Structure formats: C-alpha cells, structure tokens
Amino acid sequence: MNGIEFLDLVKARESRHIRGIVLTGDTSPHFIDMACRSGWPVLFKPIDTNSLRLSIESVLTEHGAEVASITVADPEPNLRHQPAH
C-alpha cells in the first residue's frame, strides 16, 4: 500500500474531513500519474524542510479547522494516533 492508497483508505473510513500529504521518492511514470489524479498534495524526495513546513501549514489551514490528531503511517498495518502539539 502506498501513501495515496493509505490516505484514500483513511478518508473512506472517517466521517470527518481528512487532510494529508504524500511524501515519496517514487518518480515512476505510473506513480506520478496516480499522484496527479489523486487529489492529495504530493511532495517528492528529497525535499527541503522549508518546503515541507509550508506544505504542512497549507494543508492544516486549508479548511480553517484545528488539528486534533496526527495519523502516522508506517510499514506495520496498524494506525497509530498521536496528539497534535
């Protein structure tokens, strides 16, 4: 499962608006096409920290809502929730 598929899965399971950014090193033509069609912001590695910070700020303020939690995806099939700071 890639980041786009993960965010789509979370979005389908949640009743509230989900915000996310896909950070990837996959620059294959197939993935770039999928990324363009996904509707999710996609950043390609390597990325400088300022660009990452600006992207996160943009996503978080897009709908003017406060962030209650951050969902972290990892190679394990479980979702872990961490309080936002």
C-alpha atoms as a PDB file:
ATOM      1  CA  MET A   1       0.000   0.000   0.000  1.00  0.00           C
ATOM      2  CA  ASN A   2       1.417   3.389  -0.937  1.00  0.00           C
ATOM      3  CA  GLY A   3       0.682   6.737   0.708  1.00  0.00           C
ATOM      4  CA  ILE A   4      -2.096   7.638  -1.721  1.00  0.00           C
ATOM      5  CA  GLU A   5      -3.864   4.334  -1.127  1.00  0.00           C
ATOM      6  CA  PHE A   6      -3.417   4.774   2.626  1.00  0.00           C
ATOM      7  CA  LEU A   7      -4.938   8.271   2.650  1.00  0.00           C
ATOM      8  CA  ASP A   8      -7.806   7.093   0.428  1.00  0.00           C
ATOM      9  CA  LEU A   9      -8.485   4.252   2.891  1.00  0.00           C
ATOM     10  CA  VAL A  10      -8.470   6.584   5.908  1.00  0.00           C
ATOM     11  CA  LYS A  11     -10.724   9.040   4.071  1.00  0.00           C
ATOM     12  CA  ALA A  12     -13.213   6.257   3.252  1.00  0.00           C
ATOM     13  CA  ARG A  13     -13.322   5.119   6.900  1.00  0.00           C
ATOM     14  CA  GLU A  14     -13.658   8.543   8.534  1.00  0.00           C
ATOM     15  CA  SER A  15     -16.760  10.702   8.704  1.00  0.00           C
ATOM     16  CA  ARG A  16     -14.741  13.891   9.142  1.00  0.00           C
ATOM     17  CA  HIS A  17     -12.570  15.734   6.636  1.00  0.00           C
ATOM     18  CA  ILE A  18      -9.112  14.184   6.337  1.00  0.00           C
ATOM     19  CA  ARG A  19      -6.040  16.236   5.463  1.00  0.00           C
ATOM     20  CA  GLY A  20      -2.771  14.679   4.375  1.00  0.00           C
ATOM     21  CA  ILE A  21       0.364  14.966   2.298  1.00  0.00           C
ATOM     22  CA  VAL A  22       2.079  12.162   0.416  1.00  0.00           C
ATOM     23  CA  LEU A  23       5.868  12.312   0.739  1.00  0.00           C
ATOM     24  CA  THR A  24       7.509   9.887  -1.683  1.00  0.00           C
ATOM     25  CA  GLY A  25      10.627   9.015  -3.565  1.00  0.00           C
ATOM     26  CA  ASP A  26       8.682   7.129  -6.257  1.00  0.00           C
ATOM     27  CA  THR A  27       9.102   9.029  -9.524  1.00  0.00           C
ATOM     28  CA  SER A  28       7.896   6.277 -11.839  1.00  0.00           C
ATOM     29  CA  PRO A  29       5.543   7.476 -14.597  1.00  0.00           C
ATOM     30  CA  HIS A  30       2.748   5.263 -13.206  1.00  0.00           C
ATOM     31  CA  PHE A  31       3.024   6.753  -9.701  1.00  0.00           C
ATOM     32  CA  ILE A  32       3.284  10.340 -10.965  1.00  0.00           C
ATOM     33  CA  ASP A  33       0.093   9.780 -12.986  1.00  0.00           C
ATOM     34  CA  MET A  34      -1.620   8.306  -9.908  1.00  0.00           C
ATOM     35  CA  ALA A  35      -0.414  11.231  -7.790  1.00  0.00           C
ATOM     36  CA  CYS A  36      -1.748  13.814 -10.240  1.00  0.00           C
ATOM     37  CA  ARG A  37      -5.164  12.141 -10.275  1.00  0.00           C
ATOM     38  CA  SER A  38      -5.323  11.528  -6.511  1.00  0.00           C
ATOM     39  CA  GLY A  39      -6.307  14.972  -5.289  1.00  0.00           C
ATOM     40  CA  TRP A  40      -3.756  14.696  -2.442  1.00  0.00           C
ATOM     41  CA  PRO A  41      -0.782  17.045  -2.215  1.00  0.00           C
ATOM     42  CA  VAL A  42       2.314  15.068  -3.206  1.00  0.00           C
ATOM     43  CA  LEU A  43       5.914  16.017  -2.420  1.00  0.00           C
ATOM     44  CA  PHE A  44       8.828  14.181  -3.978  1.00  0.00           C
ATOM     45  CA  LYS A  45      12.018  13.413  -2.043  1.00  0.00           C
ATOM     46  CA  PRO A  46      14.418  14.910  -1.447  1.00  0.00           C
ATOM     47  CA  ILE A  47      12.539  17.906  -0.076  1.00  0.00           C
ATOM     48  CA  ASP A  48      13.917  20.803   1.902  1.00  0.00           C
ATOM     49  CA  THR A  49      12.443  21.435   5.337  1.00  0.00           C
ATOM     50  CA  ASN A  50      11.057  24.861   4.420  1.00  0.00           C
ATOM     51  CA  SER A  51       9.008  23.417   1.543  1.00  0.00           C
ATOM     52  CA  LEU A  52       7.755  20.655   3.823  1.00  0.00           C
ATOM     53  CA  ARG A  53       6.792  23.142   6.538  1.00  0.00           C
ATOM     54  CA  LEU A  54       4.943  25.354   4.058  1.00  0.00           C
ATOM     55  CA  SER A  55       3.074  22.363   2.642  1.00  0.00           C
ATOM     56  CA  ILE A  56       2.035  21.202   6.112  1.00  0.00           C
ATOM     57  CA  GLU A  57       0.869  24.706   7.067  1.00  0.00           C
ATOM     58  CA  SER A  58      -1.123  24.950   3.841  1.00  0.00           C
ATOM     59  CA  VAL A  59      -2.858  21.619   4.389  1.00  0.00           C
ATOM     60  CA  LEU A  60      -3.624  22.358   8.042  1.00  0.00           C
ATOM     61  CA  THR A  61      -5.115  25.773   7.360  1.00  0.00           C
ATOM     62  CA  GLU A  62      -6.913  24.811   4.128  1.00  0.00           C
ATOM     63  CA  HIS A  63     -10.275  24.373   5.856  1.00  0.00           C
ATOM     64  CA  GLY A  64      -9.582  26.548   8.879  1.00  0.00           C
ATOM     65  CA  ALA A  65     -10.042  23.657  11.291  1.00  0.00           C
ATOM     66  CA  GLU A  66      -7.843  22.879  14.249  1.00  0.00           C
ATOM     67  CA  VAL A  67      -5.909  19.634  14.163  1.00  0.00           C
ATOM     68  CA  ALA A  68      -6.942  17.199  16.897  1.00  0.00           C
ATOM     69  CA  SER A  69      -4.605  14.344  15.982  1.00  0.00           C
ATOM     70  CA  ILE A  70      -1.928  13.225  13.586  1.00  0.00           C
ATOM     71  CA  THR A  71      -2.114   9.786  11.967  1.00  0.00           C
ATOM     72  CA  VAL A  72       1.255   8.221  11.236  1.00  0.00           C
ATOM     73  CA  ALA A  73       1.614   5.542   8.561  1.00  0.00           C
ATOM     74  CA  ASP A  74       4.403   3.025   8.806  1.00  0.00           C
ATOM     75  CA  PRO A  75       5.191  -0.387   7.316  1.00  0.00           C
ATOM     76  CA  GLU A  76       3.045  -2.017  10.008  1.00  0.00           C
ATOM     77  CA  PRO A  77      -0.640  -2.460   9.128  1.00  0.00           C
ATOM     78  CA  ASN A  78      -1.791  -0.610  12.264  1.00  0.00           C
ATOM     79  CA  LEU A  79      -2.695   3.070  12.558  1.00  0.00           C
ATOM     80  CA  ARG A  80      -1.186   4.987  15.450  1.00  0.00           C
ATOM     81  CA  HIS A  81      -2.728   8.221  16.690  1.00  0.00           C
ATOM     82  CA  GLN A  82      -0.557  10.858  18.314  1.00  0.00           C
ATOM     83  CA  PRO A  83      -1.818  14.087  19.894  1.00  0.00           C
ATOM     84  CA  ALA A  84      -1.079  17.202  17.896  1.00  0.00           C
ATOM     85  CA  HIS A  85       1.304  19.687  19.504  1.00  0.00           C
END
